[in-house]
C-alpha atoms as a PDB file:
ATOM      1  CA  UNK A   1       2.065 -33.026  17.147  1.00  0.00           C
ATOM      2  CA  UNK A   2       4.988 -30.910  18.336  1.00  0.00           C
ATOM      3  CA  UNK A   3       4.599 -27.422  16.908  1.00  0.00           C
ATOM      4  CA  UNK A   4       7.336 -25.003  15.922  1.00  0.00           C
ATOM      5  CA  UNK A   5       5.464 -22.518  18.075  1.00  0.00           C
ATOM      6  CA  UNK A   6       6.454 -24.488  21.139  1.00  0.00           C
ATOM      7  CA  UNK A   7      10.048 -24.444  19.956  1.00  0.00           C
ATOM      8  CA  UNK A   8       9.685 -20.723  19.311  1.00  0.00           C
ATOM      9  CA  UNK A   9       9.054 -19.881  22.934  1.00  0.00           C
ATOM     10  CA  UNK A  10      12.226 -21.731  23.915  1.00  0.00           C
ATOM     11  CA  UNK A  11      14.280 -20.392  21.035  1.00  0.00           C
ATOM     12  CA  UNK A  12      13.729 -16.695  21.619  1.00  0.00           C
ATOM     13  CA  UNK A  13      15.807 -16.176  24.768  1.00  0.00           C
ATOM     14  CA  UNK A  14      14.111 -18.943  26.671  1.00  0.00           C
ATOM     15  CA  UNK A  15      10.594 -17.468  26.729  1.00  0.00           C
ATOM     16  CA  UNK A  16       7.923 -19.874  27.935  1.00  0.00           C
ATOM     17  CA  UNK A  17       4.147 -19.918  27.724  1.00  0.00           C
ATOM     18  CA  UNK A  18       2.484 -17.752  30.341  1.00  0.00           C
ATOM     19  CA  UNK A  19       1.411 -19.474  33.526  1.00  0.00           C
ATOM     20  CA  UNK A  20      -0.744 -16.700  34.955  1.00  0.00           C
ATOM     21  CA  UNK A  21      -4.244 -15.390  34.347  1.00  0.00           C
ATOM     22  CA  UNK A  22      -3.689 -15.638  30.584  1.00  0.00           C
ATOM     23  CA  UNK A  23      -3.876 -19.424  30.749  1.00  0.00           C
ATOM     24  CA  UNK A  24      -7.480 -19.377  29.564  1.00  0.00           C
ATOM     25  CA  UNK A  25      -6.365 -17.974  26.218  1.00  0.00           C
ATOM     26  CA  UNK A  26      -3.905 -19.019  23.527  1.00  0.00           C
ATOM     27  CA  UNK A  27      -1.341 -16.378  24.470  1.00  0.00           C
ATOM     28  CA  UNK A  28       2.365 -17.003  24.212  1.00  0.00           C
ATOM     29  CA  UNK A  29       5.383 -14.877  25.009  1.00  0.00           C
ATOM     30  CA  UNK A  30       7.914 -14.131  22.296  1.00  0.00           C
ATOM     31  CA  UNK A  31      11.192 -12.269  22.657  1.00  0.00           C
ATOM     32  CA  UNK A  32      13.204 -10.667  19.847  1.00  0.00           C
ATOM     33  CA  UNK A  33      16.768 -11.632  20.654  1.00  0.00           C
ATOM     34  CA  UNK A  34      18.237  -8.516  19.033  1.00  0.00           C
ATOM     35  CA  UNK A  35      16.814  -6.199  21.716  1.00  0.00           C
ATOM     36  CA  UNK A  36      15.245  -8.610  24.235  1.00  0.00           C
ATOM     37  CA  UNK A  37      11.834  -6.991  23.743  1.00  0.00           C
ATOM     38  CA  UNK A  38       9.079  -9.272  24.990  1.00  0.00           C
ATOM     39  CA  UNK A  39       5.546  -9.291  23.587  1.00  0.00           C
ATOM     40  CA  UNK A  40       2.455 -11.379  24.076  1.00  0.00           C
ATOM     41  CA  UNK A  41       0.729 -12.613  20.941  1.00  0.00           C
ATOM     42  CA  UNK A  42      -2.128 -14.998  20.280  1.00  0.00           C
ATOM     43  CA  UNK A  43      -1.548 -18.322  18.591  1.00  0.00           C
ATOM     44  CA  UNK A  44      -4.516 -20.162  17.080  1.00  0.00           C
ATOM     45  CA  UNK A  45      -3.578 -23.638  15.914  1.00  0.00           C
ATOM     46  CA  UNK A  46      -6.993 -24.021  14.229  1.00  0.00           C
ATOM     47  CA  UNK A  47      -5.728 -21.857  11.366  1.00  0.00           C
ATOM     48  CA  UNK A  48      -3.628 -24.825  10.310  1.00  0.00           C
ATOM     49  CA  UNK A  49      -5.390 -27.886  11.701  1.00  0.00           C
ATOM     50  CA  UNK A  50      -8.668 -26.883  10.046  1.00  0.00           C
ATOM     51  CA  UNK A  51      -6.882 -25.982   6.783  1.00  0.00           C
ATOM     52  CA  UNK A  52      -7.960 -22.334   6.708  1.00  0.00           C
ATOM     53  CA  UNK A  53      -4.443 -21.591   5.490  1.00  0.00           C
ATOM     54  CA  UNK A  54      -5.023 -23.618   2.315  1.00  0.00           C
ATOM     55  CA  UNK A  55      -8.096 -21.711   1.105  1.00  0.00           C
ATOM     56  CA  UNK A  56      -7.575 -19.771  -2.172  1.00  0.00           C
ATOM     57  CA  UNK A  57      -8.794 -16.557  -0.520  1.00  0.00           C
ATOM     58  CA  UNK A  58      -5.950 -16.761   1.977  1.00  0.00           C
ATOM     59  CA  UNK A  59      -3.343 -17.324  -0.718  1.00  0.00           C
ATOM     60  CA  UNK A  60      -4.753 -14.354  -2.645  1.00  0.00           C
ATOM     61  CA  UNK A  61      -4.822 -11.844   0.206  1.00  0.00           C
ATOM     62  CA  UNK A  62      -1.414 -12.838   1.488  1.00  0.00           C
ATOM     63  CA  UNK A  63      -0.024 -12.119  -1.973  1.00  0.00           C
ATOM     64  CA  UNK A  64      -1.785  -8.746  -1.990  1.00  0.00           C
ATOM     65  CA  UNK A  65      -0.411  -7.937   1.479  1.00  0.00           C
ATOM     66  CA  UNK A  66       3.129  -8.509   0.213  1.00  0.00           C
ATOM     67  CA  UNK A  67       2.847  -6.829  -3.206  1.00  0.00           C
ATOM     68  CA  UNK A  68       3.644  -3.176  -3.837  1.00  0.00           C
ATOM     69  CA  UNK A  69       0.874  -0.884  -5.147  1.00  0.00           C
ATOM     70  CA  UNK A  70       2.667  -0.570  -8.478  1.00  0.00           C
ATOM     71  CA  UNK A  71       1.251  -3.979  -9.418  1.00  0.00           C
ATOM     72  CA  UNK A  72      -2.421  -4.964  -9.749  1.00  0.00           C
ATOM     73  CA  UNK A  73      -3.773  -8.496  -9.948  1.00  0.00           C
ATOM     74  CA  UNK A  74      -6.636  -9.680 -12.151  1.00  0.00           C
ATOM     75  CA  UNK A  75      -8.639 -12.230 -10.155  1.00  0.00           C
ATOM     76  CA  UNK A  76     -11.948 -14.103 -10.254  1.00  0.00           C
ATOM     77  CA  UNK A  77     -14.339 -12.467  -7.796  1.00  0.00           C
ATOM     78  CA  UNK A  78     -15.915 -15.682  -6.507  1.00  0.00           C
ATOM     79  CA  UNK A  79     -12.709 -17.617  -5.816  1.00  0.00           C
ATOM     80  CA  UNK A  80      -9.969 -14.960  -5.798  1.00  0.00           C
ATOM     81  CA  UNK A  81      -7.967 -17.055  -8.229  1.00  0.00           C
ATOM     82  CA  UNK A  82      -5.335 -14.817  -9.829  1.00  0.00           C
ATOM     83  CA  UNK A  83      -5.462 -14.822 -13.619  1.00  0.00           C
ATOM     84  CA  UNK A  84      -2.793 -12.250 -14.435  1.00  0.00           C
ATOM     85  CA  UNK A  85      -1.108  -9.070 -13.260  1.00  0.00           C
ATOM     86  CA  UNK A  86      -0.706  -5.647 -14.824  1.00  0.00           C
ATOM     87  CA  UNK A  87       1.181  -2.478 -13.841  1.00  0.00           C
ATOM     88  CA  UNK A  88      -1.291  -0.364 -11.866  1.00  0.00           C
ATOM     89  CA  UNK A  89      -0.399   2.785 -13.804  1.00  0.00           C
ATOM     90  CA  UNK A  90      -1.099   1.192 -17.169  1.00  0.00           C
ATOM     91  CA  UNK A  91      -4.484  -0.155 -16.096  1.00  0.00           C
ATOM     92  CA  UNK A  92      -5.372   3.152 -14.450  1.00  0.00           C
ATOM     93  CA  UNK A  93      -4.743   5.026 -17.708  1.00  0.00           C
ATOM     94  CA  UNK A  94      -7.334   2.947 -19.583  1.00  0.00           C
ATOM     95  CA  UNK A  95     -10.823   4.300 -20.222  1.00  0.00           C
ATOM     96  CA  UNK A  96     -13.859   2.464 -18.839  1.00  0.00           C
ATOM     97  CA  UNK A  97     -14.496   0.754 -22.178  1.00  0.00           C
ATOM     98  CA  UNK A  98     -10.850  -0.190 -22.541  1.00  0.00           C
ATOM     99  CA  UNK A  99     -10.878  -1.723 -19.059  1.00  0.00           C
ATOM    100  CA  UNK A 100     -13.953  -3.802 -19.869  1.00  0.00           C
ATOM    101  CA  UNK A 101     -12.406  -4.929 -23.158  1.00  0.00           C
ATOM    102  CA  UNK A 102      -9.207  -5.848 -21.324  1.00  0.00           C
ATOM    103  CA  UNK A 103     -11.140  -7.950 -18.799  1.00  0.00           C
ATOM    104  CA  UNK A 104     -12.954  -9.734 -21.633  1.00  0.00           C
ATOM    105  CA  UNK A 105      -9.637 -10.478 -23.314  1.00  0.00           C
ATOM    106  CA  UNK A 106      -8.361 -12.037 -20.090  1.00  0.00           C
ATOM    107  CA  UNK A 107     -11.458 -14.237 -19.845  1.00  0.00           C
ATOM    108  CA  UNK A 108     -11.080 -15.316 -23.441  1.00  0.00           C
ATOM    109  CA  UNK A 109      -7.400 -16.115 -23.033  1.00  0.00           C
ATOM    110  CA  UNK A 110      -8.168 -18.246 -19.939  1.00  0.00           C
ATOM    111  CA  UNK A 111     -11.152 -19.985 -21.610  1.00  0.00           C
ATOM    112  CA  UNK A 112     -13.575 -18.607 -19.042  1.00  0.00           C
ATOM    113  CA  UNK A 113     -17.204 -17.679 -19.797  1.00  0.00           C
ATOM    114  CA  UNK A 114     -17.708 -14.062 -20.805  1.00  0.00           C
ATOM    115  CA  UNK A 115     -19.508 -12.343 -17.994  1.00  0.00           C
ATOM    116  CA  UNK A 116     -17.433 -14.014 -15.284  1.00  0.00           C
ATOM    117  CA  UNK A 117     -17.033 -11.370 -12.627  1.00  0.00           C
ATOM    118  CA  UNK A 118     -13.406 -10.385 -12.135  1.00  0.00           C
ATOM    119  CA  UNK A 119     -11.668  -7.787  -9.973  1.00  0.00           C
ATOM    120  CA  UNK A 120      -8.501  -5.776 -10.430  1.00  0.00           C
ATOM    121  CA  UNK A 121      -6.861  -5.605  -6.989  1.00  0.00           C
ATOM    122  CA  UNK A 122      -3.872  -3.396  -6.259  1.00  0.00           C
ATOM    123  CA  UNK A 123      -0.983  -4.592  -4.098  1.00  0.00           C
ATOM    124  CA  UNK A 124      -1.172  -3.299  -0.525  1.00  0.00           C
ATOM    125  CA  UNK A 125       2.284  -4.056   0.779  1.00  0.00           C
ATOM    126  CA  UNK A 126       2.702  -0.380   1.679  1.00  0.00           C
ATOM    127  CA  UNK A 127      -0.376  -0.522   3.932  1.00  0.00           C
ATOM    128  CA  UNK A 128       0.164  -3.741   5.864  1.00  0.00           C
ATOM    129  CA  UNK A 129       3.063  -3.618   8.305  1.00  0.00           C
ATOM    130  CA  UNK A 130       2.247  -6.471  10.641  1.00  0.00           C
ATOM    131  CA  UNK A 131       5.533  -6.545  12.514  1.00  0.00           C
ATOM    132  CA  UNK A 132       5.065  -2.954  13.687  1.00  0.00           C
ATOM    133  CA  UNK A 133       1.715  -3.904  15.266  1.00  0.00           C
ATOM    134  CA  UNK A 134       3.269  -6.338  17.772  1.00  0.00           C
ATOM    135  CA  UNK A 135       3.672  -3.782  20.618  1.00  0.00           C
ATOM    136  CA  UNK A 136       0.005  -2.743  20.235  1.00  0.00           C
ATOM    137  CA  UNK A 137      -1.115  -6.383  20.214  1.00  0.00           C
ATOM    138  CA  UNK A 138       0.771  -6.954  23.455  1.00  0.00           C
ATOM    139  CA  UNK A 139      -0.922  -4.018  25.196  1.00  0.00           C
ATOM    140  CA  UNK A 140      -4.380  -4.650  23.770  1.00  0.00           C
ATOM    141  CA  UNK A 141      -4.353  -8.399  24.440  1.00  0.00           C
ATOM    142  CA  UNK A 142      -3.796  -7.837  28.143  1.00  0.00           C
ATOM    143  CA  UNK A 143      -6.547  -5.200  28.260  1.00  0.00           C
ATOM    144  CA  UNK A 144      -8.969  -7.547  26.501  1.00  0.00           C
ATOM    145  CA  UNK A 145      -8.175 -10.291  29.020  1.00  0.00           C
ATOM    146  CA  UNK A 146      -8.796  -7.842  31.867  1.00  0.00           C
ATOM    147  CA  UNK A 147     -12.206  -7.119  30.308  1.00  0.00           C
ATOM    148  CA  UNK A 148     -12.997 -10.843  29.945  1.00  0.00           C
ATOM    149  CA  UNK A 149     -12.850 -10.717  26.136  1.00  0.00           C
ATOM    150  CA  UNK A 150     -10.880 -13.145  23.988  1.00  0.00           C
ATOM    151  CA  UNK A 151      -7.628 -11.354  22.960  1.00  0.00           C
ATOM    152  CA  UNK A 152      -7.861 -13.121  19.581  1.00  0.00           C
ATOM    153  CA  UNK A 153     -10.180 -10.284  18.538  1.00  0.00           C
ATOM    154  CA  UNK A 154      -7.676  -7.618  19.555  1.00  0.00           C
ATOM    155  CA  UNK A 155      -4.957  -9.209  17.447  1.00  0.00           C
ATOM    156  CA  UNK A 156      -7.153  -9.812  14.386  1.00  0.00           C
ATOM    157  CA  UNK A 157      -8.583  -6.290  14.353  1.00  0.00           C
ATOM    158  CA  UNK A 158      -5.258  -4.535  14.949  1.00  0.00           C
ATOM    159  CA  UNK A 159      -3.578  -6.450  12.128  1.00  0.00           C
ATOM    160  CA  UNK A 160      -6.018  -5.231   9.478  1.00  0.00           C
ATOM    161  CA  UNK A 161      -7.676  -1.985  10.566  1.00  0.00           C
ATOM    162  CA  UNK A 162      -4.804   0.481  10.771  1.00  0.00           C
ATOM    163  CA  UNK A 163      -1.597  -1.549  11.039  1.00  0.00           C
ATOM    164  CA  UNK A 164       1.308   0.451  12.363  1.00  0.00           C
ATOM    165  CA  UNK A 165      -0.236   3.867  11.645  1.00  0.00           C
ATOM    166  CA  UNK A 166      -3.106   6.090  12.739  1.00  0.00           C
ATOM    167  CA  UNK A 167      -5.519   6.566   9.852  1.00  0.00           C
ATOM    168  CA  UNK A 168      -8.990   8.018   9.478  1.00  0.00           C
ATOM    169  CA  UNK A 169     -11.338   6.218   7.115  1.00  0.00           C
ATOM    170  CA  UNK A 170     -13.597   7.966   4.604  1.00  0.00           C
ATOM    171  CA  UNK A 171     -16.572   7.256   6.896  1.00  0.00           C
ATOM    172  CA  UNK A 172     -14.873   8.774   9.950  1.00  0.00           C
ATOM    173  CA  UNK A 173     -13.537   5.683  11.745  1.00  0.00           C
ATOM    174  CA  UNK A 174     -10.253   6.415  13.509  1.00  0.00           C
ATOM    175  CA  UNK A 175      -7.531   4.915  15.650  1.00  0.00           C
ATOM    176  CA  UNK A 176      -5.864   1.495  15.812  1.00  0.00           C
ATOM    177  CA  UNK A 177      -9.292  -0.187  16.089  1.00  0.00           C
ATOM    178  CA  UNK A 178     -10.956   2.152  13.567  1.00  0.00           C
ATOM    179  CA  UNK A 179     -13.818   3.003  15.907  1.00  0.00           C
ATOM    180  CA  UNK A 180     -16.690   5.133  14.698  1.00  0.00           C
ATOM    181  CA  UNK A 181     -17.342   8.192  16.836  1.00  0.00           C
ATOM    182  CA  UNK A 182     -20.680   6.974  18.258  1.00  0.00           C
ATOM    183  CA  UNK A 183     -19.185   3.576  19.137  1.00  0.00           C
ATOM    184  CA  UNK A 184     -16.230   5.205  20.876  1.00  0.00           C
ATOM    185  CA  UNK A 185     -18.351   7.668  22.858  1.00  0.00           C
ATOM    186  CA  UNK A 186     -20.916   5.044  23.878  1.00  0.00           C
ATOM    187  CA  UNK A 187     -18.075   2.930  25.245  1.00  0.00           C
ATOM    188  CA  UNK A 188     -16.456   5.600  27.353  1.00  0.00           C
ATOM    189  CA  UNK A 189     -14.095   7.543  25.083  1.00  0.00           C
ATOM    190  CA  UNK A 190     -13.870  11.272  24.602  1.00  0.00           C
ATOM    191  CA  UNK A 191     -14.073  12.384  20.976  1.00  0.00           C
ATOM    192  CA  UNK A 192     -13.985  16.138  20.430  1.00  0.00           C
ATOM    193  CA  UNK A 193     -12.077  18.780  18.488  1.00  0.00           C
ATOM    194  CA  UNK A 194      -9.626  19.086  21.371  1.00  0.00           C
ATOM    195  CA  UNK A 195      -9.217  15.414  22.221  1.00  0.00           C
ATOM    196  CA  UNK A 196      -9.775  12.158  20.371  1.00  0.00           C
ATOM    197  CA  UNK A 197      -9.075   9.219  22.662  1.00  0.00           C
ATOM    198  CA  UNK A 198      -9.519   6.779  19.794  1.00  0.00           C
ATOM    199  CA  UNK A 199      -5.837   7.403  19.043  1.00  0.00           C
ATOM    200  CA  UNK A 200      -4.793   6.039  22.460  1.00  0.00           C
ATOM    201  CA  UNK A 201      -4.089   2.305  22.126  1.00  0.00           C
ATOM    202  CA  UNK A 202      -4.943   1.453  25.730  1.00  0.00           C
ATOM    203  CA  UNK A 203      -8.137   3.494  25.919  1.00  0.00           C
ATOM    204  CA  UNK A 204      -9.340   2.421  22.487  1.00  0.00           C
ATOM    205  CA  UNK A 205      -8.571  -1.224  23.350  1.00  0.00           C
ATOM    206  CA  UNK A 206     -10.699  -0.966  26.494  1.00  0.00           C
ATOM    207  CA  UNK A 207     -13.539   0.642  24.522  1.00  0.00           C
ATOM    208  CA  UNK A 208     -13.341  -1.998  21.802  1.00  0.00           C
ATOM    209  CA  UNK A 209     -13.367  -4.808  24.361  1.00  0.00           C
ATOM    210  CA  UNK A 210     -16.475  -3.310  25.965  1.00  0.00           C
ATOM    211  CA  UNK A 211     -18.163  -2.967  22.575  1.00  0.00           C
ATOM    212  CA  UNK A 212     -17.442  -6.591  21.735  1.00  0.00           C
ATOM    213  CA  UNK A 213     -18.631  -7.802  25.150  1.00  0.00           C
ATOM    214  CA  UNK A 214     -21.792  -5.676  25.231  1.00  0.00           C
ATOM    215  CA  UNK A 215     -22.862  -5.740  21.575  1.00  0.00           C
ATOM    216  CA  UNK A 216     -20.972  -7.920  19.105  1.00  0.00           C
ATOM    217  CA  UNK A 217     -20.771 -11.148  21.099  1.00  0.00           C
ATOM    218  CA  UNK A 218     -24.378 -11.074  22.386  1.00  0.00           C
ATOM    219  CA  UNK A 219     -25.742 -10.203  18.926  1.00  0.00           C
ATOM    220  CA  UNK A 220     -23.775 -13.019  17.296  1.00  0.00           C
ATOM    221  CA  UNK A 221     -25.163 -15.478  19.850  1.00  0.00           C
ATOM    222  CA  UNK A 222     -28.720 -14.289  19.133  1.00  0.00           C
ATOM    223  CA  UNK A 223     -28.285 -14.590  15.365  1.00  0.00           C
ATOM    224  CA  UNK A 224     -27.043 -18.167  15.634  1.00  0.00           C
ATOM    225  CA  UNK A 225     -29.604 -19.140  18.272  1.00  0.00           C
ATOM    226  CA  UNK A 226     -32.416 -17.956  15.995  1.00  0.00           C
ATOM    227  CA  UNK A 227     -31.362 -20.680  13.529  1.00  0.00           C
ATOM    228  CA  UNK A 228     -30.732 -23.218  16.293  1.00  0.00           C
ATOM    229  CA  UNK A 229     -27.099 -23.481  15.360  1.00  0.00           C
ATOM    230  CA  UNK A 230     -24.660 -24.922  17.897  1.00  0.00           C
ATOM    231  CA  UNK A 231     -21.405 -23.081  18.408  1.00  0.00           C
ATOM    232  CA  UNK A 232     -18.182 -23.069  20.364  1.00  0.00           C
ATOM    233  CA  UNK A 233     -17.045 -19.513  21.015  1.00  0.00           C
ATOM    234  CA  UNK A 234     -13.392 -20.502  20.694  1.00  0.00           C
ATOM    235  CA  UNK A 235     -13.876 -21.845  17.155  1.00  0.00           C
ATOM    236  CA  UNK A 236     -12.563 -19.760  14.282  1.00  0.00           C
ATOM    237  CA  UNK A 237     -15.850 -19.635  12.378  1.00  0.00           C
ATOM    238  CA  UNK A 238     -17.655 -18.173  15.418  1.00  0.00           C
ATOM    239  CA  UNK A 239     -14.937 -15.577  15.912  1.00  0.00           C
ATOM    240  CA  UNK A 240     -15.209 -14.595  12.241  1.00  0.00           C
ATOM    241  CA  UNK A 241     -18.959 -14.120  12.636  1.00  0.00           C
ATOM    242  CA  UNK A 242     -18.266 -11.766  15.548  1.00  0.00           C
ATOM    243  CA  UNK A 243     -15.813  -9.830  13.380  1.00  0.00           C
ATOM    244  CA  UNK A 244     -18.496  -9.432  10.716  1.00  0.00           C
ATOM    245  CA  UNK A 245     -20.901  -8.027  13.320  1.00  0.00           C
ATOM    246  CA  UNK A 246     -18.120  -5.676  14.460  1.00  0.00           C
ATOM    247  CA  UNK A 247     -17.517  -4.464  10.906  1.00  0.00           C
ATOM    248  CA  UNK A 248     -20.910  -4.559   9.186  1.00  0.00           C
ATOM    249  CA  UNK A 249     -23.330  -4.317  12.114  1.00  0.00           C
ATOM    250  CA  UNK A 250     -25.700  -6.872  13.586  1.00  0.00           C
ATOM    251  CA  UNK A 251     -28.598  -5.898  11.314  1.00  0.00           C
ATOM    252  CA  UNK A 252     -26.688  -6.592   8.120  1.00  0.00           C
ATOM    253  CA  UNK A 253     -25.304  -9.892   9.429  1.00  0.00           C
ATOM    254  CA  UNK A 254     -28.731 -10.971  10.657  1.00  0.00           C
ATOM    255  CA  UNK A 255     -30.220 -10.301   7.215  1.00  0.00           C
ATOM    256  CA  UNK A 256     -27.318 -12.071   5.532  1.00  0.00           C
ATOM    257  CA  UNK A 257     -27.786 -15.213   7.640  1.00  0.00           C
ATOM    258  CA  UNK A 258     -31.512 -15.127   6.966  1.00  0.00           C
ATOM    259  CA  UNK A 259     -30.714 -15.063   3.241  1.00  0.00           C
ATOM    260  CA  UNK A 260     -28.285 -17.984   3.572  1.00  0.00           C
ATOM    261  CA  UNK A 261     -30.655 -19.970   5.830  1.00  0.00           C
ATOM    262  CA  UNK A 262     -27.811 -22.138   7.150  1.00  0.00           C
ATOM    263  CA  UNK A 263     -28.214 -25.719   8.297  1.00  0.00           C
ATOM    264  CA  UNK A 264     -24.594 -26.260   9.270  1.00  0.00           C
ATOM    265  CA  UNK A 265     -21.808 -24.233  10.793  1.00  0.00           C
ATOM    266  CA  UNK A 266     -18.036 -24.141  10.487  1.00  0.00           C
ATOM    267  CA  UNK A 267     -15.946 -23.305   7.464  1.00  0.00           C
ATOM    268  CA  UNK A 268     -18.811 -24.099   5.082  1.00  0.00           C
ATOM    269  CA  UNK A 269     -20.936 -21.335   6.627  1.00  0.00           C
ATOM    270  CA  UNK A 270     -18.126 -18.802   6.402  1.00  0.00           C
ATOM    271  CA  UNK A 271     -17.539 -19.641   2.742  1.00  0.00           C
ATOM    272  CA  UNK A 272     -21.227 -18.986   2.076  1.00  0.00           C
ATOM    273  CA  UNK A 273     -20.868 -15.653   3.879  1.00  0.00           C
ATOM    274  CA  UNK A 274     -18.011 -14.792   1.507  1.00  0.00           C
ATOM    275  CA  UNK A 275     -20.190 -15.589  -1.502  1.00  0.00           C
ATOM    276  CA  UNK A 276     -23.411 -13.824  -0.397  1.00  0.00           C
ATOM    277  CA  UNK A 277     -24.379 -10.159  -0.315  1.00  0.00           C
ATOM    278  CA  UNK A 278     -27.154  -8.428   1.592  1.00  0.00           C
ATOM    279  CA  UNK A 279     -27.827  -4.672   1.685  1.00  0.00           C
ATOM    280  CA  UNK A 280     -24.837  -3.143   3.527  1.00  0.00           C
ATOM    281  CA  UNK A 281     -23.008  -6.448   3.576  1.00  0.00           C
ATOM    282  CA  UNK A 282     -21.159  -6.360   0.284  1.00  0.00           C
ATOM    283  CA  UNK A 283     -17.615  -6.818  -1.027  1.00  0.00           C
ATOM    284  CA  UNK A 284     -15.793  -4.957   1.768  1.00  0.00           C
ATOM    285  CA  UNK A 285     -17.715  -6.919   4.394  1.00  0.00           C
ATOM    286  CA  UNK A 286     -17.047 -10.232   2.669  1.00  0.00           C
ATOM    287  CA  UNK A 287     -13.357  -9.387   2.564  1.00  0.00           C
ATOM    288  CA  UNK A 288     -13.156  -8.460   6.246  1.00  0.00           C
ATOM    289  CA  UNK A 289     -12.785 -11.931   7.712  1.00  0.00           C
ATOM    290  CA  UNK A 290     -10.648 -13.040   4.753  1.00  0.00           C
ATOM    291  CA  UNK A 291      -8.223 -10.225   5.544  1.00  0.00           C
ATOM    292  CA  UNK A 292      -8.221 -11.117   9.245  1.00  0.00           C
ATOM    293  CA  UNK A 293      -7.349 -14.746   8.550  1.00  0.00           C
ATOM    294  CA  UNK A 294      -4.674 -13.780   6.033  1.00  0.00           C
ATOM    295  CA  UNK A 295      -3.105 -11.289   8.438  1.00  0.00           C
ATOM    296  CA  UNK A 296      -3.019 -13.867  11.228  1.00  0.00           C
ATOM    297  CA  UNK A 297      -1.249 -16.282   8.881  1.00  0.00           C
ATOM    298  CA  UNK A 298       1.187 -13.539   7.871  1.00  0.00           C
ATOM    299  CA  UNK A 299       1.982 -12.923  11.535  1.00  0.00           C
ATOM    300  CA  UNK A 300       2.681 -16.630  11.925  1.00  0.00           C
ATOM    301  CA  UNK A 301       5.095 -16.436   9.018  1.00  0.00           C
ATOM    302  CA  UNK A 302       6.829 -13.304  10.318  1.00  0.00           C
ATOM    303  CA  UNK A 303       7.552 -14.943  13.650  1.00  0.00           C
ATOM    304  CA  UNK A 304       8.682 -18.126  11.940  1.00  0.00           C
ATOM    305  CA  UNK A 305      11.050 -16.046   9.778  1.00  0.00           C
ATOM    306  CA  UNK A 306      12.404 -14.350  12.897  1.00  0.00           C
ATOM    307  CA  UNK A 307      13.083 -17.764  14.305  1.00  0.00           C
ATOM    308  CA  UNK A 308      15.194 -18.577  11.249  1.00  0.00           C
ATOM    309  CA  UNK A 309      17.005 -15.207  11.315  1.00  0.00           C
ATOM    310  CA  UNK A 310      17.979 -15.467  14.977  1.00  0.00           C
ATOM    311  CA  UNK A 311      19.294 -19.003  14.917  1.00  0.00           C
ATOM    312  CA  UNK A 312      22.661 -19.195  16.614  1.00  0.00           C
ATOM    313  CA  UNK A 313      25.494 -20.254  14.280  1.00  0.00           C
ATOM    314  CA  UNK A 314      26.663 -23.823  14.594  1.00  0.00           C
ATOM    315  CA  UNK A 315      29.985 -24.208  16.385  1.00  0.00           C
ATOM    316  CA  UNK A 316      32.990 -24.929  14.191  1.00  0.00           C
ATOM    317  CA  UNK A 317      33.713 -28.603  13.932  1.00  0.00           C
ATOM    318  CA  UNK A 318      37.186 -30.066  14.360  1.00  0.00           C
ATOM    319  CA  UNK A 319      37.915 -32.333  11.391  1.00  0.00           C
ATOM    320  CA  UNK A 320      37.885 -35.967  12.351  1.00  0.00           C
ATOM    321  CA  UNK A 321      40.851 -37.885  10.867  1.00  0.00           C
ATOM    322  CA  UNK A 322      39.931 -40.680   8.531  1.00  0.00           C
ATOM    323  CA  UNK A 323      40.857 -43.974  10.205  1.00  0.00           C
ATOM    324  CA  UNK A 324      43.283 -46.307   8.530  1.00  0.00           C
ATOM    325  CA  UNK A 325      41.743 -49.245   6.746  1.00  0.00           C
ATOM    326  CA  UNK A 326      41.723 -52.271   8.977  1.00  0.00           C
ATOM    327  CA  UNK A 327      43.597 -55.273   7.566  1.00  0.00           C
ATOM    328  CA  UNK A 328      41.474 -58.389   7.635  1.00  0.00           C
ATOM    329  CA  UNK A 329      43.360 -61.705   7.556  1.00  0.00           C
ATOM    330  CA  UNK A 330      42.664 -63.902   4.558  1.00  0.00           C
ATOM    331  CA  UNK A 331      40.038 -66.536   5.127  1.00  0.00           C
ATOM    332  CA  UNK A 332      38.575 -69.207   2.918  1.00  0.00           C
ATOM    333  CA  UNK A 333      35.166 -68.116   1.645  1.00  0.00           C
ATOM    334  CA  UNK A 334      32.203 -70.106   2.810  1.00  0.00           C
ATOM    335  CA  UNK A 335      30.549 -71.845  -0.122  1.00  0.00           C
ATOM    336  CA  UNK A 336      26.890 -72.695   0.487  1.00  0.00           C
ATOM    337  CA  UNK A 337      25.828 -76.228  -0.216  1.00  0.00           C
ATOM    338  CA  UNK A 338      22.976 -76.494  -2.674  1.00  0.00           C
ATOM    339  CA  UNK A 339      20.953 -79.677  -3.128  1.00  0.00           C
ATOM    340  CA  UNK A 340      19.331 -80.223  -6.508  1.00  0.00           C
ATOM    341  CA  UNK A 341      16.394 -82.517  -6.708  1.00  0.00           C
ATOM    342  CA  UNK A 342      14.513 -83.696  -9.751  1.00  0.00           C
ATOM    343  CA  UNK A 343      10.794 -83.521  -9.779  1.00  0.00           C
ATOM    344  CA  UNK A 344       8.949 -86.465 -11.328  1.00  0.00           C
END
């Protein structure tokens, strides 16, 4: 099937798919016509062909990524189905008991069993700025390729960890890849009071690629091999497992998989991961791969929107004169001959 992504490369100033050492990966060149800036990004058609884009979790997180923090959404924890919304300030002013009573009233109004676990999730449109991450994706993707690591991971991590800004998490992770200090140092970065190389996109990308190659990928392979599960490392579900090891640690993911005791792989395994908790693998860890998928889909949409914005206007058309009605000479109409026969 001909994809709009293939049209995209031609549309933006004639950019074509790379024909160099990036051929082993799903990297394409895009060019913003307004300033002719060229970036490499990763395109993963599996997001659509395998229907990841239709999952309710994706619809939920994409809505959250585009909503301002002034609005909060009441949603079912297990499915992320949105039940209602409420101004964040009003909900925040409620006492604990008032919040619980409010949740119960929502369940009752929607004819759901009392005790159904629901979350109140604030819009995060002020946090996610995916378009501003494109220059970092371009740099990091090429560094990942140079380190023999799939650039898909660079793009997914950059889109959700600290998009467009340098932030430090409450546990001390820092930089565009939100590396912990011990991970950064063990992979060649300097982290001191005078210098923190985690802030450098190129150095932190190289360190992250090494960490994935040395730790996350091998540990994911071991976890799956222990359950005799077949895998293709280019499949989305495998990549999401690697992201969970990156975020939650191999020990937590190993224990989680032991609790699930999987017999099959693919999207069904990932959905079980989203619905299962184990020690340090809790809500934030479950959300991690959901956010990555949603951000990748948002990037798809951003580029598609750019395609629409930059379309060249159609040339003005010269009106075509209406032709005069042709005069047809009178002819005798042809009358069909019909034979009637009586049946005995």
